[in-house]
PDB file of N, CA and C in Angstrom:
ATOM      1  N   MET A   1       5.793  -8.540   7.155  1.00  0.00           N
ATOM      2  CA  MET A   1       6.280  -9.325   8.280  1.00  0.00           C
ATOM      3  C   MET A   1       5.811 -10.459   7.945  1.00  0.00           C
ATOM      4  N   GLN A   2       4.535 -11.016   8.178  1.00  0.00           N
ATOM      5  CA  GLN A   2       4.140 -11.956   8.066  1.00  0.00           C
ATOM      6  C   GLN A   2       4.022 -12.465   6.450  1.00  0.00           C
ATOM      7  N   ASP A   3       3.973 -11.956   5.766  1.00  0.00           N
ATOM      8  CA  ASP A   3       3.584 -12.105   3.942  1.00  0.00           C
ATOM      9  C   ASP A   3       5.424 -12.157   3.438  1.00  0.00           C
ATOM     10  N   GLN A   4       6.337 -11.151   3.915  1.00  0.00           N
ATOM     11  CA  GLN A   4       7.882 -11.933   3.131  1.00  0.00           C
ATOM     12  C   GLN A   4       7.688 -14.320   3.926  1.00  0.00           C
ATOM     13  N   LEU A   5       7.311 -13.839   5.555  1.00  0.00           N
ATOM     14  CA  LEU A   5       7.422 -14.820   5.603  1.00  0.00           C
ATOM     15  C   LEU A   5       6.580 -15.954   5.274  1.00  0.00           C
ATOM     16  N   LYS A   6       5.178 -15.949   4.735  1.00  0.00           N
ATOM     17  CA  LYS A   6       4.992 -16.849   4.028  1.00  0.00           C
ATOM     18  C   LYS A   6       5.835 -17.155   2.738  1.00  0.00           C
ATOM     19  N   ILE A   7       5.857 -16.098   1.792  1.00  0.00           N
ATOM     20  CA  ILE A   7       6.615 -15.794   0.743  1.00  0.00           C
ATOM     21  C   ILE A   7       7.709 -17.130   0.295  1.00  0.00           C
ATOM     22  N   LEU A   8       8.727 -16.520   1.896  1.00  0.00           N
ATOM     23  CA  LEU A   8       9.972 -17.600   2.124  1.00  0.00           C
ATOM     24  C   LEU A   8       9.459 -19.378   2.342  1.00  0.00           C
ATOM     25  N   LYS A   9       8.539 -19.304   3.053  1.00  0.00           N
ATOM     26  CA  LYS A   9       8.305 -20.803   3.263  1.00  0.00           C
ATOM     27  C   LYS A   9       7.128 -21.769   2.247  1.00  0.00           C
ATOM     28  N   GLU A  10       6.931 -20.417   1.442  1.00  0.00           N
ATOM     29  CA  GLU A  10       5.961 -21.141   0.875  1.00  0.00           C
ATOM     30  C   GLU A  10       7.161 -21.359  -0.924  1.00  0.00           C
ATOM     31  N   LYS A  11       8.249 -21.588  -0.890  1.00  0.00           N
ATOM     32  CA  LYS A  11       9.247 -22.453  -2.037  1.00  0.00           C
ATOM     33  C   LYS A  11      10.012 -23.415  -1.508  1.00  0.00           C
ATOM     34  N   ASP A  12      10.263 -24.166  -2.258  1.00  0.00           N
ATOM     35  CA  ASP A  12      10.600 -25.370  -2.254  1.00  0.00           C
ATOM     36  C   ASP A  12      12.242 -25.155  -1.663  1.00  0.00           C
ATOM     37  N   ARG A  13      12.781 -24.142  -2.676  1.00  0.00           N
ATOM     38  CA  ARG A  13      14.600 -23.935  -1.912  1.00  0.00           C
ATOM     39  C   ARG A  13      15.035 -22.429  -1.658  1.00  0.00           C
ATOM     40  N   LEU A  14      15.865 -22.063  -0.823  1.00  0.00           N
ATOM     41  CA  LEU A  14      15.882 -20.607  -0.627  1.00  0.00           C
ATOM     42  C   LEU A  14      16.913 -20.442  -0.859  1.00  0.00           C
ATOM     43  N   THR A  15      17.161 -19.882  -2.336  1.00  0.00           N
ATOM     44  CA  THR A  15      18.870 -19.695  -2.374  1.00  0.00           C
ATOM     45  C   THR A  15      19.606 -18.311  -1.952  1.00  0.00           C
ATOM     46  N   GLN A  16      21.109 -17.861  -1.527  1.00  0.00           N
ATOM     47  CA  GLN A  16      21.051 -16.805  -1.076  1.00  0.00           C
ATOM     48  C   GLN A  16      20.686 -15.253  -0.744  1.00  0.00           C
ATOM     49  N   TYR A  17      20.422 -15.287  -2.613  1.00  0.00           N
ATOM     50  CA  TYR A  17      20.251 -14.113  -2.536  1.00  0.00           C
ATOM     51  C   TYR A  17      18.765 -14.058  -2.372  1.00  0.00           C
ATOM     52  N   ASP A  18      17.795 -14.954  -1.521  1.00  0.00           N
ATOM     53  CA  ASP A  18      16.620 -14.940  -0.827  1.00  0.00           C
ATOM     54  C   ASP A  18      16.554 -14.696   0.739  1.00  0.00           C
ATOM     55  N   LEU A  19      17.293 -14.599   0.928  1.00  0.00           N
ATOM     56  CA  LEU A  19      18.243 -14.643   1.938  1.00  0.00           C
ATOM     57  C   LEU A  19      18.728 -13.797   2.764  1.00  0.00           C
ATOM     58  N   ASP A  20      19.624 -13.136   1.398  1.00  0.00           N
ATOM     59  CA  ASP A  20      19.800 -11.367   1.871  1.00  0.00           C
ATOM     60  C   ASP A  20      19.011 -10.674   1.563  1.00  0.00           C
ATOM     61  N   ARG A  21      18.084 -10.200   0.547  1.00  0.00           N
ATOM     62  CA  ARG A  21      16.648  -9.996   0.282  1.00  0.00           C
ATOM     63  C   ARG A  21      15.912  -9.770   1.266  1.00  0.00           C
ATOM     64  N   ALA A  22      15.511 -10.464   1.933  1.00  0.00           N
ATOM     65  CA  ALA A  22      14.993 -10.577   2.893  1.00  0.00           C
ATOM     66  C   ALA A  22      15.705 -10.063   4.578  1.00  0.00           C
ATOM     67  N   LYS A  23      16.877 -10.201   3.919  1.00  0.00           N
ATOM     68  CA  LYS A  23      17.943  -9.496   5.442  1.00  0.00           C
ATOM     69  C   LYS A  23      17.777  -7.467   5.039  1.00  0.00           C
ATOM     70  N   ALA A  24      17.786  -7.537   3.551  1.00  0.00           N
ATOM     71  CA  ALA A  24      17.722  -6.710   3.048  1.00  0.00           C
ATOM     72  C   ALA A  24      16.442  -5.363   3.243  1.00  0.00           C
ATOM     73  N   MET A  25      15.144  -6.276   3.120  1.00  0.00           N
ATOM     74  CA  MET A  25      13.893  -5.536   3.304  1.00  0.00           C
ATOM     75  C   MET A  25      13.877  -5.615   5.100  1.00  0.00           C
ATOM     76  N   LEU A  26      14.560  -6.331   5.745  1.00  0.00           N
ATOM     77  CA  LEU A  26      14.169  -6.139   7.394  1.00  0.00           C
ATOM     78  C   LEU A  26      14.926  -4.548   7.485  1.00  0.00           C
ATOM     79  N   GLU A  27      16.050  -4.459   6.530  1.00  0.00           N
ATOM     80  CA  GLU A  27      16.437  -3.555   7.437  1.00  0.00           C
ATOM     81  C   GLU A  27      16.290  -2.259   6.817  1.00  0.00           C
ATOM     82  N   VAL A  28      15.883  -1.690   5.774  1.00  0.00           N
ATOM     83  CA  VAL A  28      14.745  -1.035   5.138  1.00  0.00           C
ATOM     84  C   VAL A  28      13.184  -0.698   6.301  1.00  0.00           C
ATOM     85  N   GLU A  29      12.441  -1.937   6.726  1.00  0.00           N
ATOM     86  CA  GLU A  29      11.748  -1.957   7.777  1.00  0.00           C
ATOM     87  C   GLU A  29      12.363  -0.869   8.793  1.00  0.00           C
ATOM     88  N   GLN A  30      13.800  -1.294   9.404  1.00  0.00           N
ATOM     89  CA  GLN A  30      13.949  -1.020  11.030  1.00  0.00           C
ATOM     90  C   GLN A  30      14.477   0.922  10.689  1.00  0.00           C
ATOM     91  N   ALA A  31      14.744   0.946   9.850  1.00  0.00           N
ATOM     92  CA  ALA A  31      15.255   2.623   9.635  1.00  0.00           C
ATOM     93  C   ALA A  31      14.222   2.996   8.980  1.00  0.00           C
ATOM     94  N   ARG A  32      13.066   2.344   8.702  1.00  0.00           N
ATOM     95  CA  ARG A  32      11.576   3.084   8.551  1.00  0.00           C
ATOM     96  C   ARG A  32      10.909   3.639   9.462  1.00  0.00           C
ATOM     97  N   MET A  33      11.259   2.644  10.622  1.00  0.00           N
ATOM     98  CA  MET A  33      10.702   2.866  12.037  1.00  0.00           C
ATOM     99  C   MET A  33      11.106   3.344  12.997  1.00  0.00           C
ATOM    100  N   ALA A  34      12.626   3.965  12.318  1.00  0.00           N
ATOM    101  CA  ALA A  34      13.197   4.458  13.303  1.00  0.00           C
ATOM    102  C   ALA A  34      13.201   5.516  13.316  1.00  0.00           C
ATOM    103  N   LEU A  35      13.123   6.204  11.658  1.00  0.00           N
ATOM    104  CA  LEU A  35      12.406   7.711  11.519  1.00  0.00           C
ATOM    105  C   LEU A  35      11.501   7.661  11.622  1.00  0.00           C
ATOM    106  N   GLU A  36      10.311   6.972  11.905  1.00  0.00           N
ATOM    107  CA  GLU A  36       9.107   7.330  12.490  1.00  0.00           C
ATOM    108  C   GLU A  36       9.309   7.641  13.777  1.00  0.00           C
ATOM    109  N   ASP A  37      10.009   6.535  14.939  1.00  0.00           N
ATOM    110  CA  ASP A  37      10.137   6.925  15.922  1.00  0.00           C
ATOM    111  C   ASP A  37      10.666   8.531  16.921  1.00  0.00           C
ATOM    112  N   ALA A  38      12.247   8.382  15.695  1.00  0.00           N
ATOM    113  CA  ALA A  38      12.490  10.199  16.000  1.00  0.00           C
ATOM    114  C   ALA A  38      11.742  10.683  15.350  1.00  0.00           C
ATOM    115  N   ARG A  39      10.304  10.987  14.690  1.00  0.00           N
ATOM    116  CA  ARG A  39       9.732  12.353  14.326  1.00  0.00           C
ATOM    117  C   ARG A  39       8.705  12.201  15.100  1.00  0.00           C
ATOM    118  N   ASN A  40       7.791  11.235  15.792  1.00  0.00           N
ATOM    119  CA  ASN A  40       6.837  11.682  17.181  1.00  0.00           C
ATOM    120  C   ASN A  40       7.717  11.719  17.944  1.00  0.00           C
ATOM    121  N   ASN A  41       8.838  11.412  18.211  1.00  0.00           N
ATOM    122  CA  ASN A  41       9.721  11.728  19.309  1.00  0.00           C
ATOM    123  C   ASN A  41      10.312  13.343  19.315  1.00  0.00           C
ATOM    124  N   LYS A  42      10.080  13.703  20.009  1.00  0.00           N
ATOM    125  CA  LYS A  42       9.958  15.557  20.734  1.00  0.00           C
ATOM    126  C   LYS A  42      10.898  15.873  21.676  1.00  0.00           C
ATOM    127  N   THR A  43      12.345  15.698  21.820  1.00  0.00           N
ATOM    128  CA  THR A  43      13.246  15.445  23.002  1.00  0.00           C
ATOM    129  C   THR A  43      13.535  17.079  22.448  1.00  0.00           C
ATOM    130  N   LYS A  44      13.905  17.922  21.830  1.00  0.00           N
ATOM    131  CA  LYS A  44      14.127  19.165  21.663  1.00  0.00           C
ATOM    132  C   LYS A  44      13.020  20.434  22.020  1.00  0.00           C
ATOM    133  N   MET A  45      13.593  21.625  22.785  1.00  0.00           N
ATOM    134  CA  MET A  45      12.982  22.529  22.939  1.00  0.00           C
ATOM    135  C   MET A  45      13.256  23.688  22.381  1.00  0.00           C
ATOM    136  N   ARG A  46      11.566  24.374  21.908  1.00  0.00           N
ATOM    137  CA  ARG A  46      12.485  25.675  20.644  1.00  0.00           C
ATOM    138  C   ARG A  46      11.986  26.761  21.480  1.00  0.00           C
ATOM    139  N   LEU A  47      11.989  28.462  20.980  1.00  0.00           N
ATOM    140  CA  LEU A  47      11.676  29.029  21.907  1.00  0.00           C
ATOM    141  C   LEU A  47      11.035  29.873  20.200  1.00  0.00           C
ATOM    142  N   ARG A  48       9.402  29.657  20.045  1.00  0.00           N
ATOM    143  CA  ARG A  48       9.247  30.332  19.140  1.00  0.00           C
ATOM    144  C   ARG A  48       8.721  31.433  19.286  1.00  0.00           C
ATOM    145  N   ARG A  49       8.601  32.213  18.506  1.00  0.00           N
ATOM    146  CA  ARG A  49       8.104  33.542  18.707  1.00  0.00           C
ATOM    147  C   ARG A  49       6.464  33.823  17.800  1.00  0.00           C
ATOM    148  N   ASP A  50       5.188  34.453  18.404  1.00  0.00           N
ATOM    149  CA  ASP A  50       4.299  34.303  17.253  1.00  0.00           C
ATOM    150  C   ASP A  50       4.301  35.317  16.313  1.00  0.00           C
ATOM    151  N   SER A  51       2.753  35.855  15.807  1.00  0.00           N
ATOM    152  CA  SER A  51       3.245  36.583  15.138  1.00  0.00           C
ATOM    153  C   SER A  51       2.605  37.556  15.536  1.00  0.00           C
ATOM    154  N   GLN A  52       2.466  38.128  16.865  1.00  0.00           N
ATOM    155  CA  GLN A  52       1.843  38.835  18.236  1.00  0.00           C
ATOM    156  C   GLN A  52       3.260  39.348  18.781  1.00  0.00           C
ATOM    157  N   GLY A  53       4.643  38.880  18.551  1.00  0.00           N
ATOM    158  CA  GLY A  53       5.896  39.261  19.286  1.00  0.00           C
ATOM    159  C   GLY A  53       5.529  37.908  20.834  1.00  0.00           C
ATOM    160  N   ASN A  54       4.744  37.276  20.925  1.00  0.00           N
ATOM    161  CA  ASN A  54       4.620  36.855  22.537  1.00  0.00           C
ATOM    162  C   ASN A  54       6.048  35.194  22.200  1.00  0.00           C
ATOM    163  N   TYR A  55       6.489  35.030  23.171  1.00  0.00           N
ATOM    164  CA  TYR A  55       7.560  34.110  22.899  1.00  0.00           C
ATOM    165  C   TYR A  55       6.859  32.983  23.587  1.00  0.00           C
ATOM    166  N   THR A  56       6.983  31.509  23.092  1.00  0.00           N
ATOM    167  CA  THR A  56       6.945  30.351  23.968  1.00  0.00           C
ATOM    168  C   THR A  56       7.418  29.365  23.626  1.00  0.00           C
ATOM    169  N   TYR A  57       7.648  28.110  24.514  1.00  0.00           N
ATOM    170  CA  TYR A  57       8.789  27.544  24.278  1.00  0.00           C
ATOM    171  C   TYR A  57       7.963  25.993  23.474  1.00  0.00           C
ATOM    172  N   GLN A  58       8.660  25.078  22.630  1.00  0.00           N
ATOM    173  CA  GLN A  58       7.851  24.505  21.943  1.00  0.00           C
ATOM    174  C   GLN A  58       8.763  22.740  21.973  1.00  0.00           C
ATOM    175  N   TYR A  59       8.613  21.867  22.211  1.00  0.00           N
ATOM    176  CA  TYR A  59       8.521  20.652  21.761  1.00  0.00           C
ATOM    177  C   TYR A  59       9.179  20.365  20.467  1.00  0.00           C
ATOM    178  N   VAL A  60      10.565  20.191  19.719  1.00  0.00           N
ATOM    179  CA  VAL A  60      10.449  20.142  18.011  1.00  0.00           C
ATOM    180  C   VAL A  60      11.339  19.074  18.168  1.00  0.00           C
ATOM    181  N   ALA A  61      10.741  17.611  17.028  1.00  0.00           N
ATOM    182  CA  ALA A  61      12.260  16.901  16.909  1.00  0.00           C
ATOM    183  C   ALA A  61      14.030  17.389  16.893  1.00  0.00           C
ATOM    184  N   ASP A  62      14.644  15.822  17.182  1.00  0.00           N
ATOM    185  CA  ASP A  62      16.002  16.570  16.613  1.00  0.00           C
ATOM    186  C   ASP A  62      16.013  16.268  15.042  1.00  0.00           C
ATOM    187  N   GLU A  63      16.954  17.375  14.838  1.00  0.00           N
ATOM    188  CA  GLU A  63      16.331  17.693  13.382  1.00  0.00           C
ATOM    189  C   GLU A  63      18.397  16.892  12.332  1.00  0.00           C
ATOM    190  N   GLU A  64      19.276  16.596  13.668  1.00  0.00           N
ATOM    191  CA  GLU A  64      20.667  16.351  13.434  1.00  0.00           C
ATOM    192  C   GLU A  64      20.225  14.687  13.528  1.00  0.00           C
ATOM    193  N   LYS A  65      19.004  14.153  14.346  1.00  0.00           N
ATOM    194  CA  LYS A  65      18.345  13.147  14.198  1.00  0.00           C
ATOM    195  C   LYS A  65      18.103  12.526  12.776  1.00  0.00           C
ATOM    196  N   LEU A  66      17.059  13.455  13.113  1.00  0.00           N
ATOM    197  CA  LEU A  66      16.176  13.019  11.143  1.00  0.00           C
ATOM    198  C   LEU A  66      16.361  12.597  10.151  1.00  0.00           C
ATOM    199  N   THR A  67      17.800  14.341   9.930  1.00  0.00           N
ATOM    200  CA  THR A  67      18.904  13.533   9.094  1.00  0.00           C
ATOM    201  C   THR A  67      19.568  12.722   8.893  1.00  0.00           C
ATOM    202  N   ASP A  68      20.059  12.039   9.599  1.00  0.00           N
ATOM    203  CA  ASP A  68      20.347  11.155  10.036  1.00  0.00           C
ATOM    204  C   ASP A  68      19.788   9.854   9.683  1.00  0.00           C
ATOM    205  N   LEU A  69      19.214   9.704  10.163  1.00  0.00           N
ATOM    206  CA  LEU A  69      18.179   8.398   9.851  1.00  0.00           C
ATOM    207  C   LEU A  69      17.446   8.218   8.714  1.00  0.00           C
ATOM    208  N   GLN A  70      17.680  10.142   7.440  1.00  0.00           N
ATOM    209  CA  GLN A  70      16.712   9.697   6.265  1.00  0.00           C
ATOM    210  C   GLN A  70      17.904   9.500   6.068  1.00  0.00           C
ATOM    211  N   ASP A  71      18.818   9.469   5.586  1.00  0.00           N
ATOM    212  CA  ASP A  71      20.099   9.243   5.088  1.00  0.00           C
ATOM    213  C   ASP A  71      20.159   7.330   5.219  1.00  0.00           C
ATOM    214  N   ALA A  72      19.941   7.025   6.698  1.00  0.00           N
ATOM    215  CA  ALA A  72      20.245   5.658   7.026  1.00  0.00           C
ATOM    216  C   ALA A  72      19.228   5.204   5.923  1.00  0.00           C
ATOM    217  N   LEU A  73      17.880   5.658   6.192  1.00  0.00           N
ATOM    218  CA  LEU A  73      16.889   4.602   4.983  1.00  0.00           C
ATOM    219  C   LEU A  73      17.480   4.270   3.698  1.00  0.00           C
ATOM    220  N   ALA A  74      17.525   5.851   3.626  1.00  0.00           N
ATOM    221  CA  ALA A  74      17.556   5.650   2.033  1.00  0.00           C
ATOM    222  C   ALA A  74      18.527   5.292   1.431  1.00  0.00           C
ATOM    223  N   GLU A  75      19.796   4.822   2.089  1.00  0.00           N
ATOM    224  CA  GLU A  75      21.268   4.442   1.888  1.00  0.00           C
ATOM    225  C   GLU A  75      20.727   2.929   2.079  1.00  0.00           C
ATOM    226  N   ALA A  76      19.381   2.676   3.082  1.00  0.00           N
ATOM    227  CA  ALA A  76      18.766   0.399   3.064  1.00  0.00           C
ATOM    228  C   ALA A  76      18.215   0.664   1.672  1.00  0.00           C
ATOM    229  N   GLN A  77      16.973   1.502   1.224  1.00  0.00           N
ATOM    230  CA  GLN A  77      15.995   1.399   0.123  1.00  0.00           C
ATOM    231  C   GLN A  77      17.547   1.448  -0.951  1.00  0.00           C
ATOM    232  N   ASN A  78      18.602   2.216  -0.766  1.00  0.00           N
ATOM    233  CA  ASN A  78      19.564   1.822  -2.288  1.00  0.00           C
ATOM    234  C   ASN A  78      20.351  -0.038  -2.608  1.00  0.00           C
ATOM    235  N   ASN A  79      20.424  -0.400  -1.591  1.00  0.00           N
ATOM    236  CA  ASN A  79      21.270  -1.376  -1.130  1.00  0.00           C
ATOM    237  C   ASN A  79      19.786  -2.463  -1.766  1.00  0.00           C
ATOM    238  N   LEU A  80      19.174  -2.523  -1.102  1.00  0.00           N
ATOM    239  CA  LEU A  80      17.617  -3.112  -1.917  1.00  0.00           C
ATOM    240  C   LEU A  80      17.602  -2.662  -3.409  1.00  0.00           C
ATOM    241  N   TYR A  81      17.635  -1.917  -3.622  1.00  0.00           N
ATOM    242  CA  TYR A  81      17.075  -2.132  -5.272  1.00  0.00           C
ATOM    243  C   TYR A  81      18.489  -2.480  -5.863  1.00  0.00           C
ATOM    244  N   ASN A  82      20.196  -2.013  -5.460  1.00  0.00           N
ATOM    245  CA  ASN A  82      21.232  -2.462  -5.835  1.00  0.00           C
ATOM    246  C   ASN A  82      21.318  -3.971  -6.170  1.00  0.00           C
ATOM    247  N   MET A  83      21.027  -4.663  -4.737  1.00  0.00           N
ATOM    248  CA  MET A  83      20.979  -5.983  -4.708  1.00  0.00           C
ATOM    249  C   MET A  83      19.674  -7.094  -6.116  1.00  0.00           C
ATOM    250  N   ASP A  84      18.648  -6.120  -6.029  1.00  0.00           N
ATOM    251  CA  ASP A  84      17.461  -6.320  -6.806  1.00  0.00           C
ATOM    252  C   ASP A  84      18.307  -6.482  -8.365  1.00  0.00           C
ATOM    253  N   LYS A  85      18.313  -5.545  -8.552  1.00  0.00           N
ATOM    254  CA  LYS A  85      19.227  -4.524  -9.656  1.00  0.00           C
ATOM    255  C   LYS A  85      20.109  -5.699 -10.741  1.00  0.00           C
ATOM    256  N   GLU A  86      21.103  -5.930  -9.614  1.00  0.00           N
ATOM    257  CA  GLU A  86      22.235  -7.225 -10.093  1.00  0.00           C
ATOM    258  C   GLU A  86      21.385  -8.777 -10.020  1.00  0.00           C
ATOM    259  N   HIS A  87      21.170  -8.820  -8.869  1.00  0.00           N
ATOM    260  CA  HIS A  87      20.574 -10.265  -9.562  1.00  0.00           C
ATOM    261  C   HIS A  87      19.404 -10.662 -10.628  1.00  0.00           C
ATOM    262  N   TYR A  88      18.873  -9.330 -10.997  1.00  0.00           N
ATOM    263  CA  TYR A  88      17.707  -9.193 -12.416  1.00  0.00           C
ATOM    264  C   TYR A  88      19.520  -9.085 -13.796  1.00  0.00           C
ATOM    265  N   LYS A  89      19.931  -8.505 -13.196  1.00  0.00           N
ATOM    266  CA  LYS A  89      21.178  -8.696 -14.773  1.00  0.00           C
ATOM    267  C   LYS A  89      22.089  -9.553 -14.702  1.00  0.00           C
ATOM    268  N   GLU A  90      22.008 -10.612 -13.483  1.00  0.00           N
ATOM    269  CA  GLU A  90      22.716 -11.952 -13.530  1.00  0.00           C
ATOM    270  C   GLU A  90      21.718 -13.193 -14.315  1.00  0.00           C
ATOM    271  N   THR A  91      20.395 -12.626 -13.685  1.00  0.00           N
ATOM    272  CA  THR A  91      19.458 -13.655 -14.043  1.00  0.00           C
ATOM    273  C   THR A  91      18.687 -13.487 -15.637  1.00  0.00           C
ATOM    274  N   LEU A  92      19.309 -12.304 -16.285  1.00  0.00           N
ATOM    275  CA  LEU A  92      19.072 -12.452 -17.274  1.00  0.00           C
ATOM    276  C   LEU A  92      19.967 -13.271 -18.618  1.00  0.00           C
ATOM    277  N   ASN A  93      21.467 -12.690 -17.764  1.00  0.00           N
ATOM    278  CA  ASN A  93      23.290 -13.469 -18.643  1.00  0.00           C
ATOM    279  C   ASN A  93      23.001 -14.909 -18.672  1.00  0.00           C
TER     280      ASN A  93
END
């Protein structure tokens, strides 16, 4: 975040693209942090059976929530990529 702020402050003039890209990068980082929090947050209890046949309860992460957050992260990264790609094409033209 500090690096991004430094880059934006060093520019003489900010374009709408610069602001949109900073916002898209923020969304990517927020999605990444939410995914890491969900991975570390063990809220579901699952019954496991070991090799000797004994049953134990084990806390695990919510797989549905992880899948949704992975999709959200991929979508945010894809939006950032597409934004950069469009800007690159416009710059070449």
